[in-house]
Structures are given as C-alpha cells and as structure tokens.
Amino acid sequence: MKKMLFSLAVAVAMLLTACSNENSFHLLSGEKKSMNDYEGQWLVINFWAEWCPPCLEEIPELGLLAEENPDIAILGVSYDKLTNNELKSLVDKLEISYPIVATEPMPYLPVAKPQSLPGTYLVSPSGQTMGPILGKVDRAKILKIIKKVEGRLEAAD
C-alpha cells in the first residue's frame, strides 16, 4: 500500500512538473520565460521570416515600439524551423533588438502559427489574446489597437 501511494505521489509530481513546463519557453539569450512573466502588461508576439519583405520592414518598427514603450513587451518568433545558432546569426544580421523566442527546445506559446506572414498577436494585460493580425504592422497600428481595447479612443476613430 505504501509503495502504491508513493508511486501515485511521484506520478502526480511528474504530471504537475510537466504541466508547468507547458507554459514556458526560452529566449535566444538563454533566459527561461513563461506567459506569466508578461501578466499585467501588453505583449506583442510577432511571427517573421527572412524571406518575407514586410516582416523585414516590421523589425525596426517593433524595435522602436519596444524602446519607446517599456510597458509593452515584444517577442519575435521565427516562422521557419531554424536551429538556435542559425536564428542567432539571423538576429545579428538583421539587427533585431527585441527578444526572440528560441527554437530549441520547442517553445510553448499560447498562439497558433499563422497561416501567412507577417502575423502578429496581441496579448492584453489580463491575458486576452487577439489575432492574428495578418499583414504588416507598425507602431501606430499596434498602439491604436491597444488604445481601442483599453477604451481610450474616441468613438469617431
């Protein structure tokens, strides 16, 4: 009986550990993150690829959005299956200044890979996910959506 209870306790502990890891991912910097780290702030999750011209046009805009709005977090996600080393080289080449989600280990994100690029999701401070917004976005478009969701836009807009 004790052996069975011990086995059950171990199984439950393993299950709980596995569940908690489903909510985590690593950045290319090696830092481990979870969606809980972004609670209480806006999160922009942007899927991109090197072969996508509008994606490349978004990169400096997203960098400025992050720089000018420290209360908005940006995460870049490679659309392509690249190794972390390939991804790091690309990030350096493209001078991406915001965090990029590592591809190894396979990340958990609360959003589906969009059917086309560019694809951007917004996650509200309360955890509500919006998107994907397909097509090129810029700082003004993202800020306008955030203001609208927060009820800070005039009805005339």
C-alpha atoms as a PDB file:
ATOM      1  CA  MET A   1       0.000   0.000   0.000  1.00  0.00           C
ATOM      2  CA  LYS A   2       2.822   2.424   0.918  1.00  0.00           C
ATOM      3  CA  LYS A   3       4.586   1.570  -2.332  1.00  0.00           C
ATOM      4  CA  MET A   4       1.418   2.286  -4.309  1.00  0.00           C
ATOM      5  CA  LEU A   5       0.882   5.648  -2.548  1.00  0.00           C
ATOM      6  CA  PHE A   6       4.497   6.594  -3.142  1.00  0.00           C
ATOM      7  CA  SER A   7       4.183   5.696  -6.846  1.00  0.00           C
ATOM      8  CA  LEU A   8       0.994   7.732  -7.073  1.00  0.00           C
ATOM      9  CA  ALA A   9       2.680  10.725  -5.402  1.00  0.00           C
ATOM     10  CA  VAL A  10       5.630  10.517  -7.806  1.00  0.00           C
ATOM     11  CA  ALA A  11       3.285  10.284 -10.804  1.00  0.00           C
ATOM     12  CA  VAL A  12       1.299  13.335  -9.632  1.00  0.00           C
ATOM     13  CA  ALA A  13       4.513  15.305  -9.039  1.00  0.00           C
ATOM     14  CA  MET A  14       5.771  14.430 -12.540  1.00  0.00           C
ATOM     15  CA  LEU A  15       2.436  15.405 -14.058  1.00  0.00           C
ATOM     16  CA  LEU A  16       2.432  18.761 -12.264  1.00  0.00           C
ATOM     17  CA  THR A  17       6.004  19.431 -13.359  1.00  0.00           C
ATOM     18  CA  ALA A  18       5.131  18.587 -16.954  1.00  0.00           C
ATOM     19  CA  CYS A  19       2.112  20.909 -16.833  1.00  0.00           C
ATOM     20  CA  SER A  20       4.140  23.795 -15.505  1.00  0.00           C
ATOM     21  CA  ASN A  21       6.710  23.369 -18.306  1.00  0.00           C
ATOM     22  CA  GLU A  22       3.970  23.653 -20.937  1.00  0.00           C
ATOM     23  CA  ASN A  23       3.741  27.330 -20.090  1.00  0.00           C
ATOM     24  CA  SER A  24       7.425  28.049 -20.635  1.00  0.00           C
ATOM     25  CA  PHE A  25       9.862  28.831 -23.396  1.00  0.00           C
ATOM     26  CA  HIS A  26      13.416  30.066 -23.768  1.00  0.00           C
ATOM     27  CA  LEU A  27      14.671  33.233 -25.376  1.00  0.00           C
ATOM     28  CA  LEU A  28      17.735  33.145 -27.605  1.00  0.00           C
ATOM     29  CA  SER A  29      19.574  34.807 -24.725  1.00  0.00           C
ATOM     30  CA  GLY A  30      19.051  31.558 -22.791  1.00  0.00           C
ATOM     31  CA  GLU A  31      16.604  33.131 -20.361  1.00  0.00           C
ATOM     32  CA  LYS A  32      13.652  30.892 -19.460  1.00  0.00           C
ATOM     33  CA  LYS A  33      10.289  32.669 -19.598  1.00  0.00           C
ATOM     34  CA  SER A  34       6.638  31.827 -19.185  1.00  0.00           C
ATOM     35  CA  MET A  35       3.495  33.644 -20.208  1.00  0.00           C
ATOM     36  CA  ASN A  36       3.012  34.504 -16.530  1.00  0.00           C
ATOM     37  CA  ASP A  37       6.074  36.775 -16.786  1.00  0.00           C
ATOM     38  CA  TYR A  38       4.030  39.073 -19.042  1.00  0.00           C
ATOM     39  CA  GLU A  39       0.905  39.333 -16.877  1.00  0.00           C
ATOM     40  CA  GLY A  40      -0.132  42.923 -16.283  1.00  0.00           C
ATOM     41  CA  GLN A  41       1.421  44.279 -19.486  1.00  0.00           C
ATOM     42  CA  TRP A  42       0.758  44.158 -23.201  1.00  0.00           C
ATOM     43  CA  LEU A  43       2.629  41.508 -25.161  1.00  0.00           C
ATOM     44  CA  VAL A  44       3.170  41.600 -28.921  1.00  0.00           C
ATOM     45  CA  ILE A  45       4.041  38.211 -30.452  1.00  0.00           C
ATOM     46  CA  ASN A  46       5.312  38.658 -33.994  1.00  0.00           C
ATOM     47  CA  PHE A  47       5.950  35.771 -36.395  1.00  0.00           C
ATOM     48  CA  TRP A  48       8.509  36.636 -39.068  1.00  0.00           C
ATOM     49  CA  ALA A  49      10.868  35.141 -41.649  1.00  0.00           C
ATOM     50  CA  GLU A  50      13.920  36.407 -43.519  1.00  0.00           C
ATOM     51  CA  TRP A  51      12.297  35.721 -46.904  1.00  0.00           C
ATOM     52  CA  CYS A  52       9.258  37.916 -46.062  1.00  0.00           C
ATOM     53  CA  PRO A  53       9.852  41.567 -47.128  1.00  0.00           C
ATOM     54  CA  PRO A  54       7.006  43.024 -44.981  1.00  0.00           C
ATOM     55  CA  CYS A  55       8.404  41.105 -41.980  1.00  0.00           C
ATOM     56  CA  LEU A  56      11.790  42.732 -42.517  1.00  0.00           C
ATOM     57  CA  GLU A  57      10.092  46.155 -42.690  1.00  0.00           C
ATOM     58  CA  GLU A  58       8.395  45.465 -39.341  1.00  0.00           C
ATOM     59  CA  ILE A  59      11.620  44.688 -37.475  1.00  0.00           C
ATOM     60  CA  PRO A  60      12.790  48.301 -36.948  1.00  0.00           C
ATOM     61  CA  GLU A  61       9.213  49.382 -36.124  1.00  0.00           C
ATOM     62  CA  LEU A  62       8.886  46.708 -33.455  1.00  0.00           C
ATOM     63  CA  GLY A  63      12.299  47.642 -32.078  1.00  0.00           C
ATOM     64  CA  LEU A  64      11.200  51.271 -31.738  1.00  0.00           C
ATOM     65  CA  LEU A  65       7.865  50.226 -30.231  1.00  0.00           C
ATOM     66  CA  ALA A  66       9.727  48.286 -27.534  1.00  0.00           C
ATOM     67  CA  GLU A  67      12.228  51.093 -26.962  1.00  0.00           C
ATOM     68  CA  GLU A  68       9.577  53.832 -26.699  1.00  0.00           C
ATOM     69  CA  ASN A  69       7.069  51.769 -24.658  1.00  0.00           C
ATOM     70  CA  PRO A  70       8.747  49.830 -21.854  1.00  0.00           C
ATOM     71  CA  ASP A  71       5.281  48.728 -20.700  1.00  0.00           C
ATOM     72  CA  ILE A  72       4.820  46.764 -23.954  1.00  0.00           C
ATOM     73  CA  ALA A  73       6.811  43.546 -24.374  1.00  0.00           C
ATOM     74  CA  ILE A  74       7.727  42.277 -27.824  1.00  0.00           C
ATOM     75  CA  LEU A  75       8.556  38.679 -28.699  1.00  0.00           C
ATOM     76  CA  GLY A  76       9.770  37.687 -32.141  1.00  0.00           C
ATOM     77  CA  VAL A  77       9.087  34.143 -33.320  1.00  0.00           C
ATOM     78  CA  SER A  78      10.779  32.632 -36.348  1.00  0.00           C
ATOM     79  CA  TYR A  79       8.296  31.167 -38.808  1.00  0.00           C
ATOM     80  CA  ASP A  80      10.990  28.860 -40.165  1.00  0.00           C
ATOM     81  CA  LYS A  81      12.455  25.813 -38.480  1.00  0.00           C
ATOM     82  CA  LEU A  82      15.926  27.155 -37.763  1.00  0.00           C
ATOM     83  CA  THR A  83      18.409  25.978 -35.189  1.00  0.00           C
ATOM     84  CA  ASN A  84      19.170  28.405 -32.383  1.00  0.00           C
ATOM     85  CA  ASN A  85      22.598  29.071 -33.961  1.00  0.00           C
ATOM     86  CA  GLU A  86      21.043  29.852 -37.354  1.00  0.00           C
ATOM     87  CA  LEU A  87      18.500  32.071 -35.627  1.00  0.00           C
ATOM     88  CA  LYS A  88      21.197  33.930 -33.641  1.00  0.00           C
ATOM     89  CA  SER A  89      23.132  34.638 -36.852  1.00  0.00           C
ATOM     90  CA  LEU A  90      19.982  35.965 -38.494  1.00  0.00           C
ATOM     91  CA  VAL A  91      19.100  38.149 -35.490  1.00  0.00           C
ATOM     92  CA  ASP A  92      22.600  39.661 -35.588  1.00  0.00           C
ATOM     93  CA  LYS A  93      22.444  40.162 -39.367  1.00  0.00           C
ATOM     94  CA  LEU A  94      19.023  41.852 -39.186  1.00  0.00           C
ATOM     95  CA  GLU A  95      19.929  43.816 -36.032  1.00  0.00           C
ATOM     96  CA  ILE A  96      16.818  42.689 -34.157  1.00  0.00           C
ATOM     97  CA  SER A  97      16.824  44.480 -30.799  1.00  0.00           C
ATOM     98  CA  TYR A  98      13.865  42.800 -29.049  1.00  0.00           C
ATOM     99  CA  PRO A  99      13.774  39.275 -27.590  1.00  0.00           C
ATOM    100  CA  ILE A 100      13.453  36.331 -29.946  1.00  0.00           C
ATOM    101  CA  VAL A 101      11.977  33.002 -28.857  1.00  0.00           C
ATOM    102  CA  ALA A 102      14.483  30.148 -29.136  1.00  0.00           C
ATOM    103  CA  THR A 103      13.529  27.239 -31.348  1.00  0.00           C
ATOM    104  CA  GLU A 104      15.316  24.647 -29.202  1.00  0.00           C
ATOM    105  CA  PRO A 105      13.736  23.348 -27.054  1.00  0.00           C
ATOM    106  CA  MET A 106      10.428  23.603 -28.893  1.00  0.00           C
ATOM    107  CA  PRO A 107       8.663  26.592 -27.336  1.00  0.00           C
ATOM    108  CA  TYR A 108       5.206  26.705 -25.836  1.00  0.00           C
ATOM    109  CA  LEU A 109       3.267  29.773 -26.916  1.00  0.00           C
ATOM    110  CA  PRO A 110      -0.455  30.358 -26.385  1.00  0.00           C
ATOM    111  CA  VAL A 111      -0.948  31.194 -30.065  1.00  0.00           C
ATOM    112  CA  ALA A 112      -1.015  29.169 -33.264  1.00  0.00           C
ATOM    113  CA  LYS A 113       1.480  29.667 -36.043  1.00  0.00           C
ATOM    114  CA  PRO A 114      -0.310  31.988 -38.506  1.00  0.00           C
ATOM    115  CA  GLN A 115      -1.192  30.708 -41.984  1.00  0.00           C
ATOM    116  CA  SER A 116       0.685  33.583 -43.640  1.00  0.00           C
ATOM    117  CA  LEU A 117       3.219  36.267 -42.795  1.00  0.00           C
ATOM    118  CA  PRO A 118       3.643  38.621 -41.234  1.00  0.00           C
ATOM    119  CA  GLY A 119       1.412  37.509 -38.400  1.00  0.00           C
ATOM    120  CA  THR A 120       1.106  39.334 -35.097  1.00  0.00           C
ATOM    121  CA  TYR A 121      -0.808  38.557 -31.925  1.00  0.00           C
ATOM    122  CA  LEU A 122      -1.536  40.919 -29.060  1.00  0.00           C
ATOM    123  CA  VAL A 123      -1.985  39.625 -25.531  1.00  0.00           C
ATOM    124  CA  SER A 124      -3.671  42.058 -23.137  1.00  0.00           C
ATOM    125  CA  PRO A 125      -2.505  42.634 -19.556  1.00  0.00           C
ATOM    126  CA  SER A 126      -5.342  40.348 -18.414  1.00  0.00           C
ATOM    127  CA  GLY A 127      -4.238  37.566 -20.789  1.00  0.00           C
ATOM    128  CA  GLN A 128      -6.806  38.026 -23.580  1.00  0.00           C
ATOM    129  CA  THR A 129      -5.257  37.008 -26.924  1.00  0.00           C
ATOM    130  CA  MET A 130      -6.146  38.913 -30.087  1.00  0.00           C
ATOM    131  CA  GLY A 131      -5.162  37.978 -33.590  1.00  0.00           C
ATOM    132  CA  PRO A 132      -3.532  37.015 -35.683  1.00  0.00           C
ATOM    133  CA  ILE A 133      -3.266  40.353 -37.382  1.00  0.00           C
ATOM    134  CA  LEU A 134      -2.080  39.322 -40.837  1.00  0.00           C
ATOM    135  CA  GLY A 135      -0.009  41.731 -42.873  1.00  0.00           C
ATOM    136  CA  LYS A 136       2.484  44.392 -41.978  1.00  0.00           C
ATOM    137  CA  VAL A 137       2.015  46.255 -38.692  1.00  0.00           C
ATOM    138  CA  ASP A 138       3.778  49.324 -37.394  1.00  0.00           C
ATOM    139  CA  ARG A 139       3.981  51.130 -34.058  1.00  0.00           C
ATOM    140  CA  ALA A 140       0.980  53.350 -34.788  1.00  0.00           C
ATOM    141  CA  LYS A 141      -1.261  50.413 -35.725  1.00  0.00           C
ATOM    142  CA  ILE A 142      -0.345  48.426 -32.605  1.00  0.00           C
ATOM    143  CA  LEU A 143      -0.760  51.442 -30.312  1.00  0.00           C
ATOM    144  CA  LYS A 144      -4.123  52.241 -31.911  1.00  0.00           C
ATOM    145  CA  ILE A 145      -5.371  48.697 -31.269  1.00  0.00           C
ATOM    146  CA  ILE A 146      -4.169  48.833 -27.664  1.00  0.00           C
ATOM    147  CA  LYS A 147      -5.876  52.204 -27.085  1.00  0.00           C
ATOM    148  CA  LYS A 148      -9.083  50.942 -28.675  1.00  0.00           C
ATOM    149  CA  VAL A 149      -9.126  47.821 -26.489  1.00  0.00           C
ATOM    150  CA  GLU A 150      -8.459  49.942 -23.419  1.00  0.00           C
ATOM    151  CA  GLY A 151     -11.315  52.257 -24.402  1.00  0.00           C
ATOM    152  CA  ARG A 152      -9.068  55.264 -24.884  1.00  0.00           C
ATOM    153  CA  LEU A 153     -10.048  56.035 -28.474  1.00  0.00           C
ATOM    154  CA  GLU A 154     -12.816  58.414 -29.375  1.00  0.00           C
ATOM    155  CA  ALA A 155     -15.867  56.824 -30.972  1.00  0.00           C
ATOM    156  CA  ALA A 156     -15.097  58.881 -34.108  1.00  0.00           C
ATOM    157  CA  ASP A 157     -11.847  56.950 -34.659  1.00  0.00           C
END
